[in-house]
Amino acid sequence: MQLRSQNGVTLDLLPTKQFKTIGIKVDFVTPLKATAITARALMAQVLETSTAAYPTQTALAR
């Protein structure tokens, strides 16, 4: 099921009773600029592996 809430914002729902967990994935899409490639790659890695409350990947997993 696909819902569009605003211009450029689309929500894809995949309802199932097969799993007990919930997964959320957020994609931020912008035009690619050569000066921002490294920063974007690093930011994606940081957001995926740590937060202020869980500074390491192990702490986040626990």
PDB file of N, CA and C in Angstrom:
ATOM      1  N   MET A   1       0.857  -1.165   0.000  1.00  0.00           N
ATOM      2  CA  MET A   1       0.000   0.000   0.000  1.00  0.00           C
ATOM      3  C   MET A   1       0.904   1.229   0.000  1.00  0.00           C
ATOM      4  N   GLN A   2       0.604   2.190  -0.856  1.00  0.00           N
ATOM      5  CA  GLN A   2       1.413   3.392  -0.952  1.00  0.00           C
ATOM      6  C   GLN A   2       0.533   4.619  -0.695  1.00  0.00           C
ATOM      7  N   LEU A   3       0.971   5.469   0.235  1.00  0.00           N
ATOM      8  CA  LEU A   3       0.250   6.692   0.571  1.00  0.00           C
ATOM      9  C   LEU A   3       1.145   7.891   0.307  1.00  0.00           C
ATOM     10  N   ARG A   4       0.593   8.944  -0.240  1.00  0.00           N
ATOM     11  CA  ARG A   4       1.356  10.170  -0.455  1.00  0.00           C
ATOM     12  C   ARG A   4       0.765  11.236   0.456  1.00  0.00           C
ATOM     13  N   SER A   5       1.577  11.713   1.427  1.00  0.00           N
ATOM     14  CA  SER A   5       1.062  12.676   2.390  1.00  0.00           C
ATOM     15  C   SER A   5       1.329  14.115   1.967  1.00  0.00           C
ATOM     16  N   GLN A   6       2.449  14.382   1.317  1.00  0.00           N
ATOM     17  CA  GLN A   6       2.792  15.716   0.842  1.00  0.00           C
ATOM     18  C   GLN A   6       3.599  15.571  -0.434  1.00  0.00           C
ATOM     19  N   ASN A   7       3.878  16.684  -1.078  1.00  0.00           N
ATOM     20  CA  ASN A   7       4.742  16.633  -2.264  1.00  0.00           C
ATOM     21  C   ASN A   7       6.100  16.072  -1.869  1.00  0.00           C
ATOM     22  N   GLY A   8       6.508  15.018  -2.521  1.00  0.00           N
ATOM     23  CA  GLY A   8       7.814  14.438  -2.255  1.00  0.00           C
ATOM     24  C   GLY A   8       7.866  13.490  -1.078  1.00  0.00           C
ATOM     25  N   VAL A   9       6.759  13.276  -0.372  1.00  0.00           N
ATOM     26  CA  VAL A   9       6.729  12.375   0.780  1.00  0.00           C
ATOM     27  C   VAL A   9       5.800  11.216   0.463  1.00  0.00           C
ATOM     28  N   THR A  10       6.358  10.018   0.419  1.00  0.00           N
ATOM     29  CA  THR A  10       5.583   8.825   0.114  1.00  0.00           C
ATOM     30  C   THR A  10       5.786   7.808   1.228  1.00  0.00           C
ATOM     31  N   LEU A  11       4.730   7.196   1.667  1.00  0.00           N
ATOM     32  CA  LEU A  11       4.777   6.181   2.711  1.00  0.00           C
ATOM     33  C   LEU A  11       4.381   4.845   2.097  1.00  0.00           C
ATOM     34  N   ASP A  12       5.285   3.879   2.169  1.00  0.00           N
ATOM     35  CA  ASP A  12       5.004   2.532   1.676  1.00  0.00           C
ATOM     36  C   ASP A  12       4.738   1.629   2.872  1.00  0.00           C
ATOM     37  N   LEU A  13       3.589   0.999   2.915  1.00  0.00           N
ATOM     38  CA  LEU A  13       3.231   0.085   3.994  1.00  0.00           C
ATOM     39  C   LEU A  13       3.192  -1.336   3.465  1.00  0.00           C
ATOM     40  N   LEU A  14       3.811  -2.246   4.203  1.00  0.00           N
ATOM     41  CA  LEU A  14       3.804  -3.656   3.849  1.00  0.00           C
ATOM     42  C   LEU A  14       3.215  -4.432   5.023  1.00  0.00           C
ATOM     43  N   PRO A  15       1.893  -4.435   5.162  1.00  0.00           N
ATOM     44  CA  PRO A  15       1.283  -5.106   6.309  1.00  0.00           C
ATOM     45  C   PRO A  15       1.440  -6.624   6.225  1.00  0.00           C
ATOM     46  N   THR A  16       1.760  -7.228   7.373  1.00  0.00           N
ATOM     47  CA  THR A  16       1.886  -8.680   7.450  1.00  0.00           C
ATOM     48  C   THR A  16       1.677  -9.126   8.888  1.00  0.00           C
ATOM     49  N   LYS A  17       1.169 -10.292   9.065  1.00  0.00           N
ATOM     50  CA  LYS A  17       1.025 -10.861  10.399  1.00  0.00           C
ATOM     51  C   LYS A  17       2.089 -11.933  10.632  1.00  0.00           C
ATOM     52  N   GLN A  18       3.003 -12.055   9.681  1.00  0.00           N
ATOM     53  CA  GLN A  18       4.032 -13.077   9.731  1.00  0.00           C
ATOM     54  C   GLN A  18       5.106 -12.770  10.780  1.00  0.00           C
ATOM     55  N   PHE A  19       5.386 -11.492  11.040  1.00  0.00           N
ATOM     56  CA  PHE A  19       6.467 -11.112  11.937  1.00  0.00           C
ATOM     57  C   PHE A  19       5.932 -10.336  13.130  1.00  0.00           C
ATOM     58  N   LYS A  20       6.659 -10.418  14.259  1.00  0.00           N
ATOM     59  CA  LYS A  20       6.262  -9.692  15.461  1.00  0.00           C
ATOM     60  C   LYS A  20       7.000  -8.365  15.601  1.00  0.00           C
ATOM     61  N   THR A  21       8.042  -8.160  14.820  1.00  0.00           N
ATOM     62  CA  THR A  21       8.815  -6.932  14.921  1.00  0.00           C
ATOM     63  C   THR A  21       8.363  -5.922  13.875  1.00  0.00           C
ATOM     64  N   ILE A  22       8.744  -4.676  14.105  1.00  0.00           N
ATOM     65  CA  ILE A  22       8.409  -3.590  13.193  1.00  0.00           C
ATOM     66  C   ILE A  22       9.709  -2.989  12.690  1.00  0.00           C
ATOM     67  N   GLY A  23       9.802  -2.784  11.409  1.00  0.00           N
ATOM     68  CA  GLY A  23      10.973  -2.143  10.828  1.00  0.00           C
ATOM     69  C   GLY A  23      10.594  -0.824  10.202  1.00  0.00           C
ATOM     70  N   ILE A  24      11.448   0.168  10.397  1.00  0.00           N
ATOM     71  CA  ILE A  24      11.211   1.487   9.821  1.00  0.00           C
ATOM     72  C   ILE A  24      12.446   1.867   9.020  1.00  0.00           C
ATOM     73  N   LYS A  25      12.246   2.271   7.789  1.00  0.00           N
ATOM     74  CA  LYS A  25      13.342   2.702   6.937  1.00  0.00           C
ATOM     75  C   LYS A  25      12.997   4.082   6.402  1.00  0.00           C
ATOM     76  N   VAL A  26      13.942   4.996   6.508  1.00  0.00           N
ATOM     77  CA  VAL A  26      13.742   6.354   6.019  1.00  0.00           C
ATOM     78  C   VAL A  26      14.794   6.634   4.958  1.00  0.00           C
ATOM     79  N   ASP A  27      14.357   7.068   3.801  1.00  0.00           N
ATOM     80  CA  ASP A  27      15.269   7.448   2.721  1.00  0.00           C
ATOM     81  C   ASP A  27      15.173   8.955   2.512  1.00  0.00           C
ATOM     82  N   PHE A  28      16.302   9.642   2.626  1.00  0.00           N
ATOM     83  CA  PHE A  28      16.370  11.062   2.330  1.00  0.00           C
ATOM     84  C   PHE A  28      17.001  11.194   0.945  1.00  0.00           C
ATOM     85  N   VAL A  29      16.285  11.798   0.021  1.00  0.00           N
ATOM     86  CA  VAL A  29      16.764  11.889  -1.348  1.00  0.00           C
ATOM     87  C   VAL A  29      16.941  13.359  -1.719  1.00  0.00           C
ATOM     88  N   THR A  30      18.145  13.690  -2.162  1.00  0.00           N
ATOM     89  CA  THR A  30      18.447  15.037  -2.646  1.00  0.00           C
ATOM     90  C   THR A  30      19.355  14.907  -3.865  1.00  0.00           C
ATOM     91  N   PRO A  31      19.468  15.946  -4.646  1.00  0.00           N
ATOM     92  CA  PRO A  31      20.406  15.898  -5.772  1.00  0.00           C
ATOM     93  C   PRO A  31      21.835  15.684  -5.262  1.00  0.00           C
ATOM     94  N   LEU A  32      22.603  14.859  -5.953  1.00  0.00           N
ATOM     95  CA  LEU A  32      23.971  14.545  -5.548  1.00  0.00           C
ATOM     96  C   LEU A  32      24.927  15.629  -6.010  1.00  0.00           C
ATOM     97  N   LYS A  33      25.744  16.111  -5.074  1.00  0.00           N
ATOM     98  CA  LYS A  33      26.767  17.111  -5.387  1.00  0.00           C
ATOM     99  C   LYS A  33      28.124  16.523  -5.027  1.00  0.00           C
ATOM    100  N   ALA A  34      29.108  16.745  -5.871  1.00  0.00           N
ATOM    101  CA  ALA A  34      30.441  16.181  -5.647  1.00  0.00           C
ATOM    102  C   ALA A  34      31.044  16.630  -4.320  1.00  0.00           C
ATOM    103  N   THR A  35      30.718  17.818  -3.865  1.00  0.00           N
ATOM    104  CA  THR A  35      31.292  18.337  -2.620  1.00  0.00           C
ATOM    105  C   THR A  35      30.659  17.728  -1.383  1.00  0.00           C
ATOM    106  N   ALA A  36      29.552  17.021  -1.535  1.00  0.00           N
ATOM    107  CA  ALA A  36      28.840  16.485  -0.367  1.00  0.00           C
ATOM    108  C   ALA A  36      28.859  14.965  -0.280  1.00  0.00           C
ATOM    109  N   ILE A  37      29.533  14.288  -1.188  1.00  0.00           N
ATOM    110  CA  ILE A  37      29.492  12.821  -1.222  1.00  0.00           C
ATOM    111  C   ILE A  37      30.045  12.208   0.057  1.00  0.00           C
ATOM    112  N   THR A  38      31.210  12.656   0.512  1.00  0.00           N
ATOM    113  CA  THR A  38      31.826  12.082   1.711  1.00  0.00           C
ATOM    114  C   THR A  38      30.965  12.334   2.936  1.00  0.00           C
ATOM    115  N   ALA A  39      30.480  13.549   3.098  1.00  0.00           N
ATOM    116  CA  ALA A  39      29.650  13.872   4.258  1.00  0.00           C
ATOM    117  C   ALA A  39      28.376  13.039   4.279  1.00  0.00           C
ATOM    118  N   ARG A  40      27.766  12.838   3.128  1.00  0.00           N
ATOM    119  CA  ARG A  40      26.540  12.035   3.073  1.00  0.00           C
ATOM    120  C   ARG A  40      26.807  10.581   3.430  1.00  0.00           C
ATOM    121  N   ALA A  41      27.913  10.036   2.947  1.00  0.00           N
ATOM    122  CA  ALA A  41      28.256   8.647   3.246  1.00  0.00           C
ATOM    123  C   ALA A  41      28.538   8.474   4.735  1.00  0.00           C
ATOM    124  N   LEU A  42      29.282   9.393   5.323  1.00  0.00           N
ATOM    125  CA  LEU A  42      29.587   9.310   6.753  1.00  0.00           C
ATOM    126  C   LEU A  42      28.331   9.478   7.603  1.00  0.00           C
ATOM    127  N   MET A  43      27.472  10.406   7.232  1.00  0.00           N
ATOM    128  CA  MET A  43      26.241  10.634   7.985  1.00  0.00           C
ATOM    129  C   MET A  43      25.353   9.395   7.964  1.00  0.00           C
ATOM    130  N   ALA A  44      25.248   8.747   6.828  1.00  0.00           N
ATOM    131  CA  ALA A  44      24.450   7.530   6.743  1.00  0.00           C
ATOM    132  C   ALA A  44      25.005   6.456   7.663  1.00  0.00           C
ATOM    133  N   GLN A  45      26.322   6.305   7.725  1.00  0.00           N
ATOM    134  CA  GLN A  45      26.948   5.315   8.593  1.00  0.00           C
ATOM    135  C   GLN A  45      26.708   5.646  10.062  1.00  0.00           C
ATOM    136  N   VAL A  46      26.848   6.907  10.435  1.00  0.00           N
ATOM    137  CA  VAL A  46      26.631   7.314  11.826  1.00  0.00           C
ATOM    138  C   VAL A  46      25.182   7.080  12.237  1.00  0.00           C
ATOM    139  N   LEU A  47      24.239   7.462  11.391  1.00  0.00           N
ATOM    140  CA  LEU A  47      22.827   7.275  11.713  1.00  0.00           C
ATOM    141  C   LEU A  47      22.458   5.798  11.834  1.00  0.00           C
ATOM    142  N   GLU A  48      23.132   4.944  11.087  1.00  0.00           N
ATOM    143  CA  GLU A  48      22.825   3.521  11.090  1.00  0.00           C
ATOM    144  C   GLU A  48      23.435   2.804  12.279  1.00  0.00           C
ATOM    145  N   THR A  49      24.537   3.311  12.828  1.00  0.00           N
ATOM    146  CA  THR A  49      25.268   2.543  13.840  1.00  0.00           C
ATOM    147  C   THR A  49      25.334   3.156  15.220  1.00  0.00           C
ATOM    148  N   SER A  50      24.926   4.399  15.421  1.00  0.00           N
ATOM    149  CA  SER A  50      25.046   4.970  16.760  1.00  0.00           C
ATOM    150  C   SER A  50      24.105   6.154  16.951  1.00  0.00           C
ATOM    151  N   THR A  51      23.853   6.450  18.226  1.00  0.00           N
ATOM    152  CA  THR A  51      23.069   7.615  18.610  1.00  0.00           C
ATOM    153  C   THR A  51      23.721   8.207  19.857  1.00  0.00           C
ATOM    154  N   ALA A  52      23.221   9.320  20.352  1.00  0.00           N
ATOM    155  CA  ALA A  52      23.778   9.906  21.569  1.00  0.00           C
ATOM    156  C   ALA A  52      23.588   8.967  22.756  1.00  0.00           C
ATOM    157  N   ALA A  53      22.451   8.298  22.816  1.00  0.00           N
ATOM    158  CA  ALA A  53      22.180   7.387  23.930  1.00  0.00           C
ATOM    159  C   ALA A  53      22.922   6.062  23.788  1.00  0.00           C
ATOM    160  N   TYR A  54      23.221   5.644  22.550  1.00  0.00           N
ATOM    161  CA  TYR A  54      23.904   4.377  22.276  1.00  0.00           C
ATOM    162  C   TYR A  54      25.090   4.663  21.362  1.00  0.00           C
ATOM    163  N   PRO A  55      26.238   5.038  21.923  1.00  0.00           N
ATOM    164  CA  PRO A  55      27.364   5.513  21.123  1.00  0.00           C
ATOM    165  C   PRO A  55      28.098   4.444  20.308  1.00  0.00           C
ATOM    166  N   THR A  56      27.866   3.170  20.599  1.00  0.00           N
ATOM    167  CA  THR A  56      28.526   2.122  19.809  1.00  0.00           C
ATOM    168  C   THR A  56      27.483   1.217  19.197  1.00  0.00           C
ATOM    169  N   GLN A  57      27.895   0.475  18.193  1.00  0.00           N
ATOM    170  CA  GLN A  57      26.973  -0.439  17.529  1.00  0.00           C
ATOM    171  C   GLN A  57      26.519  -1.552  18.497  1.00  0.00           C
ATOM    172  N   THR A  58      27.409  -1.985  19.387  1.00  0.00           N
ATOM    173  CA  THR A  58      27.062  -3.008  20.381  1.00  0.00           C
ATOM    174  C   THR A  58      26.006  -2.491  21.344  1.00  0.00           C
ATOM    175  N   ALA A  59      26.173  -1.261  21.813  1.00  0.00           N
ATOM    176  CA  ALA A  59      25.185  -0.665  22.729  1.00  0.00           C
ATOM    177  C   ALA A  59      23.843  -0.507  22.052  1.00  0.00           C
ATOM    178  N   LEU A  60      23.851  -0.126  20.796  1.00  0.00           N
ATOM    179  CA  LEU A  60      22.597   0.010  20.038  1.00  0.00           C
ATOM    180  C   LEU A  60      21.907  -1.335  19.868  1.00  0.00           C
ATOM    181  N   ALA A  61      22.672  -2.381  19.596  1.00  0.00           N
ATOM    182  CA  ALA A  61      22.106  -3.717  19.415  1.00  0.00           C
ATOM    183  C   ALA A  61      21.493  -4.266  20.712  1.00  0.00           C
ATOM    184  N   ARG A  62      22.122  -3.942  21.839  1.00  0.00           N
ATOM    185  CA  ARG A  62      21.595  -4.414  23.122  1.00  0.00           C
ATOM    186  C   ARG A  62      20.300  -3.736  23.467  1.00  0.00           C
TER     187      ARG A  62
END
